[in-house]
Amino acid sequence: MSQQDLTADMLTRIRNAVRNRTEHVNCINNKLNRGVAKVLKEEGYIQEYEVIEDDRQGILKVHLKYGPRGESVIRRIDRVSKPGCRVYRGVSDIPRPLQGLGIAVVSTSRGVLSDRQCREERVGGEFVALVS
């Protein structure tokens, strides 16, 4: 089966795994998915991620994070920019999800960054996902 949007597939796998309360989820490894996982780890939405090498492109293993009473840290994770309709934002147009309690994941010329990092570095780019 051919996958067209690997990032949407990764976000859907994470969404389903959080709903099922699993500890980790395996995703397809590519640069954008590694960048999204890096941002999620830096912002505290996942515990860890690791790249497992295989004979093909590799597997990205994401270890999910839950609260002390088992509540999920990720409440909502949505893809914004899609292959059929790319969404680009300048630094002044990047939203603040939930008045700063959520994050926007943006793919920039300096790598995949959160909305906070984009404002610090004064750079915009492709608006990849919303996480809250």
N, C-alpha and C. Protein backbone atom coordinates (compact mmCIF):
# COMPACT_ATOMS: atom_id res chain seq x y z
N MET A 1 0.84 -1.17 0.00
CA MET A 1 0.00 0.00 0.00
C MET A 1 0.89 1.24 0.00
N SER A 2 0.62 2.17 -0.89
CA SER A 2 1.40 3.39 -1.03
C SER A 2 0.83 4.48 -0.12
N GLN A 3 1.68 5.08 0.67
CA GLN A 3 1.27 6.17 1.56
C GLN A 3 1.56 7.49 0.88
N GLN A 4 0.61 8.40 0.86
CA GLN A 4 0.81 9.69 0.23
C GLN A 4 1.25 10.75 1.23
N ASP A 5 0.60 10.83 2.36
CA ASP A 5 0.90 11.84 3.36
C ASP A 5 1.39 11.16 4.63
N LEU A 6 2.70 11.02 4.74
CA LEU A 6 3.29 10.28 5.86
C LEU A 6 3.11 11.00 7.19
N THR A 7 3.08 12.32 7.17
CA THR A 7 2.90 13.07 8.41
C THR A 7 1.47 12.93 8.94
N ALA A 8 0.48 12.98 8.04
CA ALA A 8 -0.90 12.77 8.47
C ALA A 8 -1.07 11.36 9.01
N ASP A 9 -0.39 10.39 8.41
CA ASP A 9 -0.42 9.02 8.91
C ASP A 9 0.17 8.94 10.32
N MET A 10 1.28 9.64 10.55
CA MET A 10 1.92 9.65 11.87
C MET A 10 0.99 10.27 12.91
N LEU A 11 0.38 11.41 12.58
CA LEU A 11 -0.51 12.08 13.53
C LEU A 11 -1.74 11.24 13.83
N THR A 12 -2.26 10.54 12.83
CA THR A 12 -3.40 9.65 13.04
C THR A 12 -3.02 8.47 13.93
N ARG A 13 -1.84 7.92 13.72
CA ARG A 13 -1.38 6.81 14.57
C ARG A 13 -1.23 7.27 16.02
N ILE A 14 -0.69 8.47 16.23
CA ILE A 14 -0.54 9.00 17.59
C ILE A 14 -1.91 9.23 18.21
N ARG A 15 -2.83 9.82 17.44
CA ARG A 15 -4.19 10.08 17.93
C ARG A 15 -4.87 8.78 18.34
N ASN A 16 -4.77 7.74 17.51
CA ASN A 16 -5.39 6.45 17.83
C ASN A 16 -4.72 5.79 19.03
N ALA A 17 -3.40 5.89 19.13
CA ALA A 17 -2.68 5.28 20.25
C ALA A 17 -3.03 5.97 21.57
N VAL A 18 -3.19 7.29 21.55
CA VAL A 18 -3.59 8.02 22.77
C VAL A 18 -4.99 7.60 23.17
N ARG A 19 -5.87 7.45 22.19
CA ARG A 19 -7.24 7.04 22.49
C ARG A 19 -7.28 5.64 23.10
N ASN A 20 -6.36 4.75 22.66
CA ASN A 20 -6.30 3.38 23.17
C ASN A 20 -5.39 3.23 24.38
N ARG A 21 -4.75 4.32 24.80
CA ARG A 21 -3.85 4.35 25.96
C ARG A 21 -2.68 3.38 25.83
N THR A 22 -2.08 3.31 24.65
CA THR A 22 -0.89 2.48 24.47
C THR A 22 0.36 3.26 24.86
N GLU A 23 1.42 2.55 25.17
CA GLU A 23 2.64 3.19 25.64
C GLU A 23 3.48 3.78 24.52
N HIS A 24 3.50 3.12 23.37
CA HIS A 24 4.31 3.62 22.25
C HIS A 24 3.61 3.30 20.93
N VAL A 25 4.04 3.99 19.89
CA VAL A 25 3.47 3.80 18.56
C VAL A 25 4.61 3.85 17.53
N ASN A 26 4.53 2.99 16.52
CA ASN A 26 5.52 2.96 15.46
C ASN A 26 5.01 3.72 14.25
N CYS A 27 5.84 4.63 13.73
CA CYS A 27 5.48 5.44 12.57
C CYS A 27 6.57 5.27 11.51
N ILE A 28 6.26 5.74 10.31
CA ILE A 28 7.23 5.70 9.23
C ILE A 28 8.22 6.85 9.43
N ASN A 29 9.50 6.56 9.25
CA ASN A 29 10.56 7.53 9.49
C ASN A 29 10.81 8.38 8.25
N ASN A 30 10.77 9.68 8.39
CA ASN A 30 11.28 10.62 7.40
C ASN A 30 11.66 11.90 8.12
N LYS A 31 12.23 12.86 7.40
CA LYS A 31 12.74 14.06 8.04
C LYS A 31 11.65 14.87 8.73
N LEU A 32 10.52 15.05 8.07
CA LEU A 32 9.44 15.85 8.66
C LEU A 32 8.86 15.17 9.90
N ASN A 33 8.68 13.85 9.86
CA ASN A 33 8.15 13.14 11.02
C ASN A 33 9.13 13.21 12.20
N ARG A 34 10.43 13.11 11.93
CA ARG A 34 11.42 13.25 13.00
C ARG A 34 11.36 14.66 13.59
N GLY A 35 11.18 15.66 12.74
CA GLY A 35 11.08 17.03 13.22
C GLY A 35 9.85 17.25 14.08
N VAL A 36 8.71 16.69 13.66
CA VAL A 36 7.48 16.81 14.45
C VAL A 36 7.66 16.11 15.80
N ALA A 37 8.27 14.92 15.79
CA ALA A 37 8.51 14.19 17.04
C ALA A 37 9.46 14.98 17.95
N LYS A 38 10.45 15.63 17.37
CA LYS A 38 11.39 16.44 18.15
C LYS A 38 10.67 17.60 18.83
N VAL A 39 9.79 18.28 18.09
CA VAL A 39 9.03 19.40 18.66
C VAL A 39 8.10 18.90 19.77
N LEU A 40 7.43 17.76 19.54
CA LEU A 40 6.53 17.21 20.57
C LEU A 40 7.30 16.85 21.84
N LYS A 41 8.52 16.34 21.69
CA LYS A 41 9.34 16.00 22.86
C LYS A 41 9.79 17.27 23.59
N GLU A 42 10.26 18.27 22.84
CA GLU A 42 10.72 19.52 23.45
C GLU A 42 9.60 20.24 24.20
N GLU A 43 8.38 20.15 23.69
CA GLU A 43 7.25 20.83 24.32
C GLU A 43 6.58 19.99 25.40
N GLY A 44 7.03 18.74 25.60
CA GLY A 44 6.53 17.91 26.69
C GLY A 44 5.29 17.10 26.38
N TYR A 45 4.99 16.88 25.11
CA TYR A 45 3.80 16.11 24.75
C TYR A 45 4.09 14.61 24.63
N ILE A 46 5.34 14.23 24.41
CA ILE A 46 5.73 12.81 24.38
C ILE A 46 6.96 12.63 25.27
N GLN A 47 7.19 11.39 25.69
CA GLN A 47 8.36 11.12 26.53
C GLN A 47 9.64 11.10 25.71
N GLU A 48 9.63 10.30 24.65
CA GLU A 48 10.85 10.07 23.87
C GLU A 48 10.46 9.57 22.49
N TYR A 49 11.40 9.65 21.56
CA TYR A 49 11.24 9.01 20.27
C TYR A 49 12.59 8.45 19.87
N GLU A 50 12.56 7.38 19.10
CA GLU A 50 13.81 6.77 18.66
C GLU A 50 13.63 6.25 17.24
N VAL A 51 14.74 6.24 16.51
CA VAL A 51 14.72 5.74 15.14
C VAL A 51 15.29 4.33 15.15
N ILE A 52 14.50 3.39 14.66
CA ILE A 52 14.93 1.99 14.58
C ILE A 52 15.23 1.71 13.11
N GLU A 53 16.47 1.34 12.85
CA GLU A 53 16.89 1.08 11.48
C GLU A 53 16.39 -0.28 11.02
N ASP A 54 15.93 -0.34 9.78
CA ASP A 54 15.59 -1.60 9.15
C ASP A 54 16.15 -1.54 7.72
N ASP A 55 15.78 -2.47 6.88
CA ASP A 55 16.35 -2.51 5.53
C ASP A 55 15.80 -1.41 4.63
N ARG A 56 14.72 -0.75 5.05
CA ARG A 56 14.12 0.30 4.24
C ARG A 56 14.43 1.66 4.86
N GLN A 57 13.44 2.51 5.05
CA GLN A 57 13.68 3.86 5.54
C GLN A 57 13.77 3.96 7.05
N GLY A 58 13.35 2.94 7.76
CA GLY A 58 13.42 2.95 9.22
C GLY A 58 12.05 3.16 9.85
N ILE A 59 12.02 2.96 11.15
CA ILE A 59 10.78 3.10 11.93
C ILE A 59 11.03 4.14 13.01
N LEU A 60 10.08 5.03 13.18
CA LEU A 60 10.14 6.04 14.22
C LEU A 60 9.25 5.56 15.36
N LYS A 61 9.85 5.20 16.50
CA LYS A 61 9.10 4.70 17.64
C LYS A 61 8.88 5.86 18.62
N VAL A 62 7.62 6.23 18.82
CA VAL A 62 7.25 7.35 19.68
C VAL A 62 6.68 6.81 20.98
N HIS A 63 7.29 7.20 22.11
CA HIS A 63 6.83 6.80 23.43
C HIS A 63 5.91 7.90 23.96
N LEU A 64 4.65 7.56 24.17
CA LEU A 64 3.64 8.54 24.56
C LEU A 64 3.72 8.86 26.05
N LYS A 65 3.18 10.00 26.41
CA LYS A 65 3.25 10.48 27.79
C LYS A 65 1.84 10.61 28.35
N TYR A 66 1.68 10.19 29.59
CA TYR A 66 0.40 10.30 30.28
C TYR A 66 0.62 10.95 31.63
N GLY A 67 -0.43 11.54 32.19
CA GLY A 67 -0.36 12.21 33.48
C GLY A 67 -0.28 11.22 34.63
N PRO A 68 -0.20 11.72 35.87
CA PRO A 68 -0.07 10.85 37.03
C PRO A 68 -1.29 9.95 37.26
N ARG A 69 -2.46 10.39 36.84
CA ARG A 69 -3.67 9.58 36.99
C ARG A 69 -4.06 8.88 35.70
N GLY A 70 -3.15 8.83 34.73
CA GLY A 70 -3.42 8.14 33.48
C GLY A 70 -4.08 8.99 32.41
N GLU A 71 -4.27 10.28 32.67
CA GLU A 71 -4.90 11.14 31.66
C GLU A 71 -3.89 11.44 30.55
N SER A 72 -4.37 11.55 29.33
CA SER A 72 -3.47 11.77 28.20
C SER A 72 -3.03 13.22 28.14
N VAL A 73 -1.76 13.42 27.81
CA VAL A 73 -1.21 14.76 27.68
C VAL A 73 -1.68 15.38 26.36
N ILE A 74 -1.73 14.58 25.30
CA ILE A 74 -2.22 15.05 24.00
C ILE A 74 -3.74 14.90 23.99
N ARG A 75 -4.42 16.01 23.95
CA ARG A 75 -5.88 15.98 23.88
C ARG A 75 -6.37 16.02 22.44
N ARG A 76 -5.68 16.79 21.62
CA ARG A 76 -6.07 16.94 20.22
C ARG A 76 -4.82 17.16 19.37
N ILE A 77 -4.74 16.49 18.23
CA ILE A 77 -3.63 16.65 17.32
C ILE A 77 -4.19 16.59 15.90
N ASP A 78 -4.03 17.68 15.16
CA ASP A 78 -4.64 17.80 13.83
C ASP A 78 -3.62 18.25 12.80
N ARG A 79 -3.75 17.73 11.60
CA ARG A 79 -2.95 18.15 10.46
C ARG A 79 -3.61 19.37 9.84
N VAL A 80 -2.84 20.41 9.54
CA VAL A 80 -3.39 21.64 8.96
C VAL A 80 -3.06 21.71 7.48
N SER A 81 -1.77 21.71 7.15
CA SER A 81 -1.33 21.78 5.76
C SER A 81 -1.36 20.39 5.16
N LYS A 82 -2.02 20.23 4.03
CA LYS A 82 -2.17 18.93 3.40
C LYS A 82 -1.53 18.96 2.01
N PRO A 83 -1.23 17.82 1.43
CA PRO A 83 -0.61 17.84 0.10
C PRO A 83 -1.46 18.54 -0.97
N GLY A 84 -2.77 18.50 -0.84
CA GLY A 84 -3.64 19.15 -1.82
C GLY A 84 -3.85 20.62 -1.56
N CYS A 85 -3.57 21.07 -0.35
CA CYS A 85 -3.79 22.47 0.01
C CYS A 85 -2.77 22.87 1.08
N ARG A 86 -1.61 23.32 0.64
CA ARG A 86 -0.57 23.74 1.58
C ARG A 86 -0.95 25.05 2.24
N VAL A 87 -0.61 25.17 3.53
CA VAL A 87 -0.92 26.38 4.29
C VAL A 87 0.40 26.95 4.80
N TYR A 88 0.71 28.19 4.38
CA TYR A 88 1.92 28.87 4.80
C TYR A 88 1.54 30.07 5.64
N ARG A 89 2.33 30.36 6.67
CA ARG A 89 2.07 31.49 7.56
C ARG A 89 3.36 32.27 7.79
N GLY A 90 3.23 33.57 7.81
CA GLY A 90 4.32 34.42 8.23
C GLY A 90 4.41 34.40 9.74
N VAL A 91 5.47 34.96 10.27
CA VAL A 91 5.67 34.90 11.72
C VAL A 91 4.56 35.63 12.48
N SER A 92 4.01 36.69 11.90
CA SER A 92 2.95 37.43 12.59
C SER A 92 1.59 36.75 12.47
N ASP A 93 1.45 35.78 11.56
CA ASP A 93 0.17 35.10 11.35
C ASP A 93 0.10 33.71 11.99
N ILE A 94 1.16 33.29 12.64
CA ILE A 94 1.14 31.97 13.29
C ILE A 94 0.25 32.05 14.53
N PRO A 95 -0.76 31.17 14.62
CA PRO A 95 -1.70 31.28 15.75
C PRO A 95 -1.10 30.79 17.07
N ARG A 96 -1.75 31.19 18.15
CA ARG A 96 -1.42 30.71 19.50
C ARG A 96 -2.57 29.80 19.93
N PRO A 97 -2.44 28.49 19.73
CA PRO A 97 -3.54 27.57 20.09
C PRO A 97 -3.85 27.63 21.58
N LEU A 98 -5.11 27.73 21.90
CA LEU A 98 -5.60 27.78 23.30
C LEU A 98 -4.89 28.87 24.10
N GLN A 99 -4.68 30.03 23.50
CA GLN A 99 -4.01 31.17 24.14
C GLN A 99 -2.65 30.79 24.73
N GLY A 100 -1.91 29.95 24.01
CA GLY A 100 -0.57 29.58 24.44
C GLY A 100 -0.46 28.26 25.16
N LEU A 101 -1.58 27.59 25.44
CA LEU A 101 -1.52 26.29 26.13
C LEU A 101 -1.25 25.15 25.15
N GLY A 102 -1.53 25.34 23.87
CA GLY A 102 -1.23 24.35 22.85
C GLY A 102 -0.05 24.84 22.01
N ILE A 103 0.31 24.05 21.00
CA ILE A 103 1.40 24.46 20.12
C ILE A 103 0.98 24.29 18.66
N ALA A 104 1.61 25.09 17.82
CA ALA A 104 1.51 24.94 16.37
C ALA A 104 2.87 24.45 15.89
N VAL A 105 2.89 23.43 15.05
CA VAL A 105 4.13 22.89 14.50
C VAL A 105 4.30 23.49 13.11
N VAL A 106 5.46 24.14 12.87
CA VAL A 106 5.72 24.85 11.63
C VAL A 106 7.02 24.34 11.03
N SER A 107 7.00 24.02 9.74
CA SER A 107 8.20 23.61 9.02
C SER A 107 8.80 24.85 8.37
N THR A 108 9.99 25.24 8.83
CA THR A 108 10.63 26.47 8.36
C THR A 108 11.93 26.15 7.63
N SER A 109 12.59 27.19 7.17
CA SER A 109 13.89 27.02 6.54
C SER A 109 14.96 26.64 7.57
N ARG A 110 14.67 26.81 8.84
CA ARG A 110 15.59 26.45 9.92
C ARG A 110 15.21 25.14 10.59
N GLY A 111 14.33 24.37 9.96
CA GLY A 111 13.89 23.09 10.50
C GLY A 111 12.47 23.17 11.01
N VAL A 112 12.00 22.09 11.61
CA VAL A 112 10.65 22.05 12.16
C VAL A 112 10.69 22.67 13.55
N LEU A 113 9.86 23.70 13.76
CA LEU A 113 9.87 24.45 15.01
C LEU A 113 8.45 24.58 15.56
N SER A 114 8.35 24.86 16.86
CA SER A 114 7.06 25.18 17.47
C SER A 114 6.76 26.65 17.21
N ASP A 115 5.53 27.07 17.49
CA ASP A 115 5.16 28.47 17.28
C ASP A 115 5.97 29.41 18.15
N ARG A 116 6.31 28.97 19.36
CA ARG A 116 7.13 29.81 20.25
C ARG A 116 8.53 30.03 19.67
N GLN A 117 9.12 28.95 19.17
CA GLN A 117 10.45 29.07 18.58
C GLN A 117 10.43 29.93 17.32
N CYS A 118 9.34 29.84 16.55
CA CYS A 118 9.21 30.68 15.34
C CYS A 118 9.17 32.15 15.70
N ARG A 119 8.47 32.50 16.77
CA ARG A 119 8.40 33.89 17.19
C ARG A 119 9.75 34.38 17.71
N GLU A 120 10.47 33.51 18.41
CA GLU A 120 11.80 33.89 18.91
C GLU A 120 12.77 34.13 17.76
N GLU A 121 12.72 33.27 16.74
CA GLU A 121 13.67 33.37 15.63
C GLU A 121 13.14 34.24 14.49
N ARG A 122 11.90 34.74 14.63
CA ARG A 122 11.27 35.61 13.63
C ARG A 122 11.26 34.97 12.24
N VAL A 123 10.70 33.74 12.17
CA VAL A 123 10.65 33.01 10.90
C VAL A 123 9.30 32.33 10.77
N GLY A 124 8.76 32.28 9.57
CA GLY A 124 7.50 31.61 9.28
C GLY A 124 7.75 30.42 8.38
N GLY A 125 6.68 29.75 7.95
CA GLY A 125 6.84 28.60 7.08
C GLY A 125 5.53 27.85 6.90
N GLU A 126 5.65 26.56 6.58
CA GLU A 126 4.47 25.73 6.35
C GLU A 126 3.88 25.31 7.69
N PHE A 127 2.61 25.59 7.87
CA PHE A 127 1.87 25.33 9.10
C PHE A 127 1.44 23.86 9.07
N VAL A 128 2.19 22.99 9.75
CA VAL A 128 2.02 21.54 9.64
C VAL A 128 0.88 21.00 10.50
N ALA A 129 0.89 21.30 11.80
CA ALA A 129 -0.07 20.67 12.71
C ALA A 129 -0.38 21.57 13.91
N LEU A 130 -1.52 21.26 14.55
CA LEU A 130 -1.92 21.88 15.81
C LEU A 130 -1.99 20.80 16.88
N VAL A 131 -1.42 21.08 18.04
CA VAL A 131 -1.43 20.11 19.14
C VAL A 131 -1.92 20.83 20.38
N SER A 132 -2.85 20.19 21.10
CA SER A 132 -3.31 20.75 22.36
C SER A 132 -3.66 19.63 23.32
